[in-house]
Amino acid sequence: MSVTLDDVKYMANLARLQLADDEAKALVKDMNDILGYIDLLGQIDTSDVPPLEHVTDIETGFRPDKALPPLDHEEALKNAPDADADHFRVPRVIE
């Protein structure tokens, strides 16, 4: 499988990215290099390698789930970048 310039332009459109022609051409090369490396990894014999649940032996730092008192209203809004008296205010994201 290889990525074409049309594929990159299609993906850029889906991601709402504006790419210059030289950027799109560079991405075609980069993506094809990545896919080539993945193909190379797929050729490695891993039949005698046991599957891993985690890459490292580090224990996860999960804490016990316990109920804590909620933040008061002023404390919750204290670090908000934009807030009115009662709510967080966020930019509109729906067109």
PDB file of N, CA and C in Angstrom:
ATOM      1  N   MET A   1       0.852  -1.179   0.000  1.00  0.00           N
ATOM      2  CA  MET A   1       0.000   0.000   0.000  1.00  0.00           C
ATOM      3  C   MET A   1       0.890   1.232   0.000  1.00  0.00           C
ATOM      4  N   SER A   2       0.536   2.189  -0.797  1.00  0.00           N
ATOM      5  CA  SER A   2       1.274   3.450  -0.791  1.00  0.00           C
ATOM      6  C   SER A   2       0.289   4.610  -0.772  1.00  0.00           C
ATOM      7  N   VAL A   3       0.765   5.718  -0.266  1.00  0.00           N
ATOM      8  CA  VAL A   3      -0.049   6.927  -0.142  1.00  0.00           C
ATOM      9  C   VAL A   3       0.251   7.823  -1.332  1.00  0.00           C
ATOM     10  N   THR A   4      -0.792   8.350  -1.943  1.00  0.00           N
ATOM     11  CA  THR A   4      -0.629   9.252  -3.076  1.00  0.00           C
ATOM     12  C   THR A   4      -0.888  10.689  -2.644  1.00  0.00           C
ATOM     13  N   LEU A   5      -0.587  11.609  -3.515  1.00  0.00           N
ATOM     14  CA  LEU A   5      -0.836  13.017  -3.241  1.00  0.00           C
ATOM     15  C   LEU A   5      -2.330  13.267  -3.038  1.00  0.00           C
ATOM     16  N   ASP A   6      -3.163  12.574  -3.799  1.00  0.00           N
ATOM     17  CA  ASP A   6      -4.616  12.717  -3.630  1.00  0.00           C
ATOM     18  C   ASP A   6      -5.052  12.217  -2.259  1.00  0.00           C
ATOM     19  N   ASP A   7      -4.429  11.134  -1.769  1.00  0.00           N
ATOM     20  CA  ASP A   7      -4.749  10.628  -0.428  1.00  0.00           C
ATOM     21  C   ASP A   7      -4.431  11.673   0.641  1.00  0.00           C
ATOM     22  N   VAL A   8      -3.264  12.290   0.516  1.00  0.00           N
ATOM     23  CA  VAL A   8      -2.854  13.308   1.500  1.00  0.00           C
ATOM     24  C   VAL A   8      -3.799  14.498   1.458  1.00  0.00           C
ATOM     25  N   LYS A   9      -4.171  14.931   0.265  1.00  0.00           N
ATOM     26  CA  LYS A   9      -5.093  16.070   0.156  1.00  0.00           C
ATOM     27  C   LYS A   9      -6.463  15.716   0.733  1.00  0.00           C
ATOM     28  N   TYR A  10      -6.906  14.485   0.517  1.00  0.00           N
ATOM     29  CA  TYR A  10      -8.190  14.037   1.069  1.00  0.00           C
ATOM     30  C   TYR A  10      -8.143  14.026   2.602  1.00  0.00           C
ATOM     31  N   MET A  11      -7.063  13.458   3.169  1.00  0.00           N
ATOM     32  CA  MET A  11      -6.936  13.422   4.630  1.00  0.00           C
ATOM     33  C   MET A  11      -6.811  14.830   5.213  1.00  0.00           C
ATOM     34  N   ALA A  12      -6.087  15.696   4.531  1.00  0.00           N
ATOM     35  CA  ALA A  12      -5.951  17.075   4.999  1.00  0.00           C
ATOM     36  C   ALA A  12      -7.311  17.768   4.999  1.00  0.00           C
ATOM     37  N   ASN A  13      -8.107  17.503   3.990  1.00  0.00           N
ATOM     38  CA  ASN A  13      -9.452  18.084   3.933  1.00  0.00           C
ATOM     39  C   ASN A  13     -10.304  17.573   5.096  1.00  0.00           C
ATOM     40  N   LEU A  14     -10.227  16.262   5.378  1.00  0.00           N
ATOM     41  CA  LEU A  14     -10.991  15.714   6.507  1.00  0.00           C
ATOM     42  C   LEU A  14     -10.561  16.329   7.830  1.00  0.00           C
ATOM     43  N   ALA A  15      -9.258  16.603   7.958  1.00  0.00           N
ATOM     44  CA  ALA A  15      -8.721  17.176   9.198  1.00  0.00           C
ATOM     45  C   ALA A  15      -8.808  18.702   9.198  1.00  0.00           C
ATOM     46  N   ARG A  16      -9.374  19.249   8.155  1.00  0.00           N
ATOM     47  CA  ARG A  16      -9.513  20.700   8.012  1.00  0.00           C
ATOM     48  C   ARG A  16      -8.144  21.402   8.064  1.00  0.00           C
ATOM     49  N   LEU A  17      -7.172  20.799   7.368  1.00  0.00           N
ATOM     50  CA  LEU A  17      -5.838  21.374   7.286  1.00  0.00           C
ATOM     51  C   LEU A  17      -5.627  21.979   5.915  1.00  0.00           C
ATOM     52  N   GLN A  18      -4.952  23.098   5.879  1.00  0.00           N
ATOM     53  CA  GLN A  18      -4.574  23.699   4.607  1.00  0.00           C
ATOM     54  C   GLN A  18      -3.088  23.446   4.406  1.00  0.00           C
ATOM     55  N   LEU A  19      -2.753  22.681   3.382  1.00  0.00           N
ATOM     56  CA  LEU A  19      -1.370  22.338   3.115  1.00  0.00           C
ATOM     57  C   LEU A  19      -0.923  22.970   1.809  1.00  0.00           C
ATOM     58  N   ALA A  20       0.285  23.510   1.817  1.00  0.00           N
ATOM     59  CA  ALA A  20       0.902  23.971   0.569  1.00  0.00           C
ATOM     60  C   ALA A  20       1.321  22.731  -0.209  1.00  0.00           C
ATOM     61  N   ASP A  21       1.541  22.892  -1.512  1.00  0.00           N
ATOM     62  CA  ASP A  21       1.896  21.751  -2.353  1.00  0.00           C
ATOM     63  C   ASP A  21       3.175  21.065  -1.878  1.00  0.00           C
ATOM     64  N   ASP A  22       4.192  21.864  -1.460  1.00  0.00           N
ATOM     65  CA  ASP A  22       5.436  21.248  -0.999  1.00  0.00           C
ATOM     66  C   ASP A  22       5.235  20.501   0.321  1.00  0.00           C
ATOM     67  N   GLU A  23       4.346  20.985   1.177  1.00  0.00           N
ATOM     68  CA  GLU A  23       4.044  20.274   2.424  1.00  0.00           C
ATOM     69  C   GLU A  23       3.327  18.959   2.134  1.00  0.00           C
ATOM     70  N   ALA A  24       2.399  18.986   1.205  1.00  0.00           N
ATOM     71  CA  ALA A  24       1.666  17.769   0.848  1.00  0.00           C
ATOM     72  C   ALA A  24       2.609  16.735   0.250  1.00  0.00           C
ATOM     73  N   LYS A  25       3.526  17.168  -0.609  1.00  0.00           N
ATOM     74  CA  LYS A  25       4.484  16.238  -1.204  1.00  0.00           C
ATOM     75  C   LYS A  25       5.405  15.647  -0.138  1.00  0.00           C
ATOM     76  N   ALA A  26       5.811  16.462   0.830  1.00  0.00           N
ATOM     77  CA  ALA A  26       6.658  15.965   1.914  1.00  0.00           C
ATOM     78  C   ALA A  26       5.894  14.940   2.760  1.00  0.00           C
ATOM     79  N   LEU A  27       4.598  15.189   2.978  1.00  0.00           N
ATOM     80  CA  LEU A  27       3.798  14.237   3.744  1.00  0.00           C
ATOM     81  C   LEU A  27       3.623  12.917   3.001  1.00  0.00           C
ATOM     82  N   VAL A  28       3.517  12.961   1.684  1.00  0.00           N
ATOM     83  CA  VAL A  28       3.430  11.732   0.902  1.00  0.00           C
ATOM     84  C   VAL A  28       4.676  10.888   1.156  1.00  0.00           C
ATOM     85  N   LYS A  29       5.847  11.518   1.091  1.00  0.00           N
ATOM     86  CA  LYS A  29       7.099  10.791   1.326  1.00  0.00           C
ATOM     87  C   LYS A  29       7.139  10.256   2.757  1.00  0.00           C
ATOM     88  N   ASP A  30       6.804  11.105   3.749  1.00  0.00           N
ATOM     89  CA  ASP A  30       6.858  10.680   5.152  1.00  0.00           C
ATOM     90  C   ASP A  30       5.909   9.517   5.421  1.00  0.00           C
ATOM     91  N   MET A  31       4.694   9.611   4.910  1.00  0.00           N
ATOM     92  CA  MET A  31       3.722   8.546   5.149  1.00  0.00           C
ATOM     93  C   MET A  31       4.140   7.242   4.482  1.00  0.00           C
ATOM     94  N   ASN A  32       4.688   7.332   3.294  1.00  0.00           N
ATOM     95  CA  ASN A  32       5.165   6.126   2.624  1.00  0.00           C
ATOM     96  C   ASN A  32       6.371   5.524   3.350  1.00  0.00           C
ATOM     97  N   ASP A  33       7.230   6.381   3.913  1.00  0.00           N
ATOM     98  CA  ASP A  33       8.344   5.878   4.726  1.00  0.00           C
ATOM     99  C   ASP A  33       7.822   5.150   5.959  1.00  0.00           C
ATOM    100  N   ILE A  34       6.809   5.699   6.611  1.00  0.00           N
ATOM    101  CA  ILE A  34       6.216   5.073   7.794  1.00  0.00           C
ATOM    102  C   ILE A  34       5.598   3.722   7.428  1.00  0.00           C
ATOM    103  N   LEU A  35       4.843   3.684   6.338  1.00  0.00           N
ATOM    104  CA  LEU A  35       4.226   2.430   5.910  1.00  0.00           C
ATOM    105  C   LEU A  35       5.284   1.390   5.521  1.00  0.00           C
ATOM    106  N   GLY A  36       6.375   1.839   4.925  1.00  0.00           N
ATOM    107  CA  GLY A  36       7.462   0.919   4.592  1.00  0.00           C
ATOM    108  C   GLY A  36       8.095   0.336   5.844  1.00  0.00           C
ATOM    109  N   TYR A  37       8.249   1.157   6.881  1.00  0.00           N
ATOM    110  CA  TYR A  37       8.807   0.670   8.139  1.00  0.00           C
ATOM    111  C   TYR A  37       7.853  -0.319   8.809  1.00  0.00           C
ATOM    112  N   ILE A  38       6.564  -0.045   8.735  1.00  0.00           N
ATOM    113  CA  ILE A  38       5.577  -0.971   9.300  1.00  0.00           C
ATOM    114  C   ILE A  38       5.638  -2.307   8.567  1.00  0.00           C
ATOM    115  N   ASP A  39       5.785  -2.272   7.244  1.00  0.00           N
ATOM    116  CA  ASP A  39       5.940  -3.521   6.481  1.00  0.00           C
ATOM    117  C   ASP A  39       7.188  -4.276   6.915  1.00  0.00           C
ATOM    118  N   LEU A  40       8.276  -3.534   7.156  1.00  0.00           N
ATOM    119  CA  LEU A  40       9.514  -4.155   7.613  1.00  0.00           C
ATOM    120  C   LEU A  40       9.319  -4.824   8.976  1.00  0.00           C
ATOM    121  N   LEU A  41       8.610  -4.149   9.881  1.00  0.00           N
ATOM    122  CA  LEU A  41       8.327  -4.734  11.197  1.00  0.00           C
ATOM    123  C   LEU A  41       7.451  -5.976  11.076  1.00  0.00           C
ATOM    124  N   GLY A  42       6.561  -5.982  10.100  1.00  0.00           N
ATOM    125  CA  GLY A  42       5.685  -7.121   9.902  1.00  0.00           C
ATOM    126  C   GLY A  42       6.419  -8.374   9.446  1.00  0.00           C
ATOM    127  N   GLN A  43       7.644  -8.233   8.952  1.00  0.00           N
ATOM    128  CA  GLN A  43       8.428  -9.372   8.486  1.00  0.00           C
ATOM    129  C   GLN A  43       9.196 -10.062   9.621  1.00  0.00           C
ATOM    130  N   ILE A  44       9.209  -9.455  10.798  1.00  0.00           N
ATOM    131  CA  ILE A  44       9.950 -10.024  11.928  1.00  0.00           C
ATOM    132  C   ILE A  44       9.171 -11.199  12.502  1.00  0.00           C
ATOM    133  N   ASP A  45       9.887 -12.300  12.762  1.00  0.00           N
ATOM    134  CA  ASP A  45       9.270 -13.484  13.345  1.00  0.00           C
ATOM    135  C   ASP A  45       9.101 -13.277  14.851  1.00  0.00           C
ATOM    136  N   THR A  46       7.879 -13.164  15.289  1.00  0.00           N
ATOM    137  CA  THR A  46       7.590 -12.981  16.719  1.00  0.00           C
ATOM    138  C   THR A  46       6.812 -14.156  17.283  1.00  0.00           C
ATOM    139  N   SER A  47       6.879 -15.294  16.625  1.00  0.00           N
ATOM    140  CA  SER A  47       6.083 -16.441  17.052  1.00  0.00           C
ATOM    141  C   SER A  47       6.503 -16.971  18.426  1.00  0.00           C
ATOM    142  N   ASP A  48       7.766 -16.793  18.811  1.00  0.00           N
ATOM    143  CA  ASP A  48       8.199 -17.291  20.115  1.00  0.00           C
ATOM    144  C   ASP A  48       8.277 -16.188  21.177  1.00  0.00           C
ATOM    145  N   VAL A  49       7.719 -15.024  20.896  1.00  0.00           N
ATOM    146  CA  VAL A  49       7.709 -13.920  21.852  1.00  0.00           C
ATOM    147  C   VAL A  49       6.359 -13.918  22.568  1.00  0.00           C
ATOM    148  N   PRO A  50       6.369 -14.012  23.902  1.00  0.00           N
ATOM    149  CA  PRO A  50       5.086 -14.026  24.616  1.00  0.00           C
ATOM    150  C   PRO A  50       4.403 -12.660  24.539  1.00  0.00           C
ATOM    151  N   PRO A  51       3.091 -12.643  24.474  1.00  0.00           N
ATOM    152  CA  PRO A  51       2.386 -11.352  24.425  1.00  0.00           C
ATOM    153  C   PRO A  51       2.537 -10.610  25.750  1.00  0.00           C
ATOM    154  N   LEU A  52       2.552  -9.294  25.664  1.00  0.00           N
ATOM    155  CA  LEU A  52       2.705  -8.450  26.849  1.00  0.00           C
ATOM    156  C   LEU A  52       1.390  -7.763  27.180  1.00  0.00           C
ATOM    157  N   GLU A  53       1.139  -7.658  28.450  1.00  0.00           N
ATOM    158  CA  GLU A  53       0.006  -6.847  28.879  1.00  0.00           C
ATOM    159  C   GLU A  53       0.449  -5.393  29.001  1.00  0.00           C
ATOM    160  N   HIS A  54       1.682  -5.203  29.499  1.00  0.00           N
ATOM    161  CA  HIS A  54       2.280  -3.871  29.615  1.00  0.00           C
ATOM    162  C   HIS A  54       3.719  -3.954  29.111  1.00  0.00           C
ATOM    163  N   VAL A  55       4.212  -2.862  28.595  1.00  0.00           N
ATOM    164  CA  VAL A  55       5.563  -2.844  28.064  1.00  0.00           C
ATOM    165  C   VAL A  55       6.592  -2.896  29.187  1.00  0.00           C
ATOM    166  N   THR A  56       6.300  -2.256  30.298  1.00  0.00           N
ATOM    167  CA  THR A  56       7.215  -2.244  31.434  1.00  0.00           C
ATOM    168  C   THR A  56       6.581  -2.951  32.618  1.00  0.00           C
ATOM    169  N   ASP A  57       7.403  -3.235  33.628  1.00  0.00           N
ATOM    170  CA  ASP A  57       6.907  -3.893  34.833  1.00  0.00           C
ATOM    171  C   ASP A  57       6.464  -2.904  35.901  1.00  0.00           C
ATOM    172  N   ILE A  58       6.345  -1.658  35.544  1.00  0.00           N
ATOM    173  CA  ILE A  58       5.967  -0.636  36.504  1.00  0.00           C
ATOM    174  C   ILE A  58       4.498  -0.809  36.874  1.00  0.00           C
ATOM    175  N   GLU A  59       4.235  -0.772  38.158  1.00  0.00           N
ATOM    176  CA  GLU A  59       2.853  -0.843  38.626  1.00  0.00           C
ATOM    177  C   GLU A  59       2.153   0.469  38.296  1.00  0.00           C
ATOM    178  N   THR A  60       0.912   0.375  37.910  1.00  0.00           N
ATOM    179  CA  THR A  60       0.153   1.591  37.641  1.00  0.00           C
ATOM    180  C   THR A  60      -0.175   2.274  38.959  1.00  0.00           C
ATOM    181  N   GLY A  61      -0.273   3.557  38.946  1.00  0.00           N
ATOM    182  CA  GLY A  61      -0.489   4.318  40.161  1.00  0.00           C
ATOM    183  C   GLY A  61      -1.950   4.608  40.429  1.00  0.00           C
ATOM    184  N   PHE A  62      -2.801   3.610  40.271  1.00  0.00           N
ATOM    185  CA  PHE A  62      -4.209   3.843  40.539  1.00  0.00           C
ATOM    186  C   PHE A  62      -4.428   4.035  42.027  1.00  0.00           C
ATOM    187  N   ARG A  63      -5.212   4.978  42.356  1.00  0.00           N
ATOM    188  CA  ARG A  63      -5.555   5.212  43.751  1.00  0.00           C
ATOM    189  C   ARG A  63      -6.907   4.584  44.025  1.00  0.00           C
ATOM    190  N   PRO A  64      -7.192   4.303  45.263  1.00  0.00           N
ATOM    191  CA  PRO A  64      -8.525   3.767  45.567  1.00  0.00           C
ATOM    192  C   PRO A  64      -9.608   4.798  45.238  1.00  0.00           C
ATOM    193  N   ASP A  65     -10.700   4.310  44.758  1.00  0.00           N
ATOM    194  CA  ASP A  65     -11.806   5.184  44.390  1.00  0.00           C
ATOM    195  C   ASP A  65     -12.620   5.499  45.635  1.00  0.00           C
ATOM    196  N   LYS A  66     -12.547   6.748  46.069  1.00  0.00           N
ATOM    197  CA  LYS A  66     -13.318   7.139  47.240  1.00  0.00           C
ATOM    198  C   LYS A  66     -13.923   8.516  47.004  1.00  0.00           C
ATOM    199  N   ALA A  67     -15.084   8.713  47.549  1.00  0.00           N
ATOM    200  CA  ALA A  67     -15.797   9.978  47.367  1.00  0.00           C
ATOM    201  C   ALA A  67     -15.136  11.069  48.198  1.00  0.00           C
ATOM    202  N   LEU A  68     -14.965  12.220  47.590  1.00  0.00           N
ATOM    203  CA  LEU A  68     -14.419  13.391  48.273  1.00  0.00           C
ATOM    204  C   LEU A  68     -15.452  14.502  48.208  1.00  0.00           C
ATOM    205  N   PRO A  69     -15.360  15.456  49.110  1.00  0.00           N
ATOM    206  CA  PRO A  69     -16.311  16.564  49.037  1.00  0.00           C
ATOM    207  C   PRO A  69     -16.085  17.375  47.753  1.00  0.00           C
ATOM    208  N   PRO A  70     -17.144  17.869  47.142  1.00  0.00           N
ATOM    209  CA  PRO A  70     -16.986  18.630  45.893  1.00  0.00           C
ATOM    210  C   PRO A  70     -16.355  19.991  46.156  1.00  0.00           C
ATOM    211  N   LEU A  71     -15.798  20.569  45.090  1.00  0.00           N
ATOM    212  CA  LEU A  71     -15.270  21.936  45.186  1.00  0.00           C
ATOM    213  C   LEU A  71     -16.431  22.904  45.351  1.00  0.00           C
ATOM    214  N   ASP A  72     -16.181  23.977  46.093  1.00  0.00           N
ATOM    215  CA  ASP A  72     -17.234  24.983  46.143  1.00  0.00           C
ATOM    216  C   ASP A  72     -17.222  25.765  44.824  1.00  0.00           C
ATOM    217  N   HIS A  73     -18.267  26.489  44.574  1.00  0.00           N
ATOM    218  CA  HIS A  73     -18.494  27.143  43.287  1.00  0.00           C
ATOM    219  C   HIS A  73     -17.364  28.106  42.924  1.00  0.00           C
ATOM    220  N   GLU A  74     -16.963  28.943  43.851  1.00  0.00           N
ATOM    221  CA  GLU A  74     -15.919  29.936  43.573  1.00  0.00           C
ATOM    222  C   GLU A  74     -14.575  29.267  43.297  1.00  0.00           C
ATOM    223  N   GLU A  75     -14.275  28.197  44.025  1.00  0.00           N
ATOM    224  CA  GLU A  75     -13.023  27.479  43.830  1.00  0.00           C
ATOM    225  C   GLU A  75     -12.983  26.830  42.444  1.00  0.00           C
ATOM    226  N   ALA A  76     -14.095  26.286  41.985  1.00  0.00           N
ATOM    227  CA  ALA A  76     -14.157  25.634  40.683  1.00  0.00           C
ATOM    228  C   ALA A  76     -13.945  26.642  39.556  1.00  0.00           C
ATOM    229  N   LEU A  77     -14.439  27.858  39.700  1.00  0.00           N
ATOM    230  CA  LEU A  77     -14.332  28.873  38.644  1.00  0.00           C
ATOM    231  C   LEU A  77     -13.077  29.732  38.766  1.00  0.00           C
ATOM    232  N   LYS A  78     -12.298  29.536  39.821  1.00  0.00           N
ATOM    233  CA  LYS A  78     -11.160  30.410  40.104  1.00  0.00           C
ATOM    234  C   LYS A  78     -10.151  30.463  38.957  1.00  0.00           C
ATOM    235  N   ASN A  79      -9.802  29.337  38.368  1.00  0.00           N
ATOM    236  CA  ASN A  79      -8.779  29.309  37.313  1.00  0.00           C
ATOM    237  C   ASN A  79      -9.356  29.241  35.911  1.00  0.00           C
ATOM    238  N   ALA A  80     -10.649  29.438  35.772  1.00  0.00           N
ATOM    239  CA  ALA A  80     -11.266  29.401  34.443  1.00  0.00           C
ATOM    240  C   ALA A  80     -10.769  30.590  33.633  1.00  0.00           C
ATOM    241  N   PRO A  81     -10.389  30.366  32.362  1.00  0.00           N
ATOM    242  CA  PRO A  81      -9.937  31.489  31.549  1.00  0.00           C
ATOM    243  C   PRO A  81     -11.036  32.511  31.277  1.00  0.00           C
ATOM    244  N   ASP A  82     -12.304  32.043  31.261  1.00  0.00           N
ATOM    245  CA  ASP A  82     -13.419  32.955  31.043  1.00  0.00           C
ATOM    246  C   ASP A  82     -14.635  32.371  31.751  1.00  0.00           C
ATOM    247  N   ALA A  83     -15.237  33.149  32.615  1.00  0.00           N
ATOM    248  CA  ALA A  83     -16.400  32.669  33.360  1.00  0.00           C
ATOM    249  C   ALA A  83     -17.296  33.850  33.681  1.00  0.00           C
ATOM    250  N   ASP A  84     -18.591  33.569  33.787  1.00  0.00           N
ATOM    251  CA  ASP A  84     -19.482  34.579  34.325  1.00  0.00           C
ATOM    252  C   ASP A  84     -19.724  34.205  35.787  1.00  0.00           C
ATOM    253  N   ALA A  85     -20.736  34.714  36.399  1.00  0.00           N
ATOM    254  CA  ALA A  85     -20.944  34.469  37.824  1.00  0.00           C
ATOM    255  C   ALA A  85     -21.214  33.010  38.144  1.00  0.00           C
ATOM    256  N   ASP A  86     -21.791  32.256  37.200  1.00  0.00           N
ATOM    257  CA  ASP A  86     -22.217  30.895  37.509  1.00  0.00           C
ATOM    258  C   ASP A  86     -21.613  29.809  36.634  1.00  0.00           C
ATOM    259  N   HIS A  87     -21.030  30.149  35.472  1.00  0.00           N
ATOM    260  CA  HIS A  87     -20.665  29.130  34.495  1.00  0.00           C
ATOM    261  C   HIS A  87     -19.288  29.373  33.892  1.00  0.00           C
ATOM    262  N   PHE A  88     -18.679  28.278  33.397  1.00  0.00           N
ATOM    263  CA  PHE A  88     -17.520  28.405  32.527  1.00  0.00           C
ATOM    264  C   PHE A  88     -18.019  28.938  31.197  1.00  0.00           C
ATOM    265  N   ARG A  89     -17.262  29.831  30.565  1.00  0.00           N
ATOM    266  CA  ARG A  89     -17.616  30.301  29.239  1.00  0.00           C
ATOM    267  C   ARG A  89     -16.562  29.783  28.270  1.00  0.00           C
ATOM    268  N   VAL A  90     -17.019  29.179  27.182  1.00  0.00           N
ATOM    269  CA  VAL A  90     -16.123  28.610  26.179  1.00  0.00           C
ATOM    270  C   VAL A  90     -16.513  29.155  24.814  1.00  0.00           C
ATOM    271  N   PRO A  91     -15.538  29.183  23.883  1.00  0.00           N
ATOM    272  CA  PRO A  91     -15.864  29.656  22.539  1.00  0.00           C
ATOM    273  C   PRO A  91     -16.833  28.696  21.847  1.00  0.00           C
ATOM    274  N   ARG A  92     -17.648  29.232  20.993  1.00  0.00           N
ATOM    275  CA  ARG A  92     -18.569  28.423  20.222  1.00  0.00           C
ATOM    276  C   ARG A  92     -17.789  27.591  19.217  1.00  0.00           C
ATOM    277  N   VAL A  93     -18.097  26.291  19.130  1.00  0.00           N
ATOM    278  CA  VAL A  93     -17.354  25.420  18.221  1.00  0.00           C
ATOM    279  C   VAL A  93     -18.237  24.833  17.126  1.00  0.00           C
ATOM    280  N   ILE A  94     -19.523  25.030  17.190  1.00  0.00           N
ATOM    281  CA  ILE A  94     -20.436  24.515  16.182  1.00  0.00           C
ATOM    282  C   ILE A  94     -20.730  25.641  15.201  1.00  0.00           C
ATOM    283  N   GLU A  95     -20.578  25.319  13.920  1.00  0.00           N
ATOM    284  CA  GLU A  95     -20.845  26.343  12.897  1.00  0.00           C
ATOM    285  C   GLU A  95     -22.310  26.443  12.605  1.00  0.00           C
TER     286      GLU A  95
END
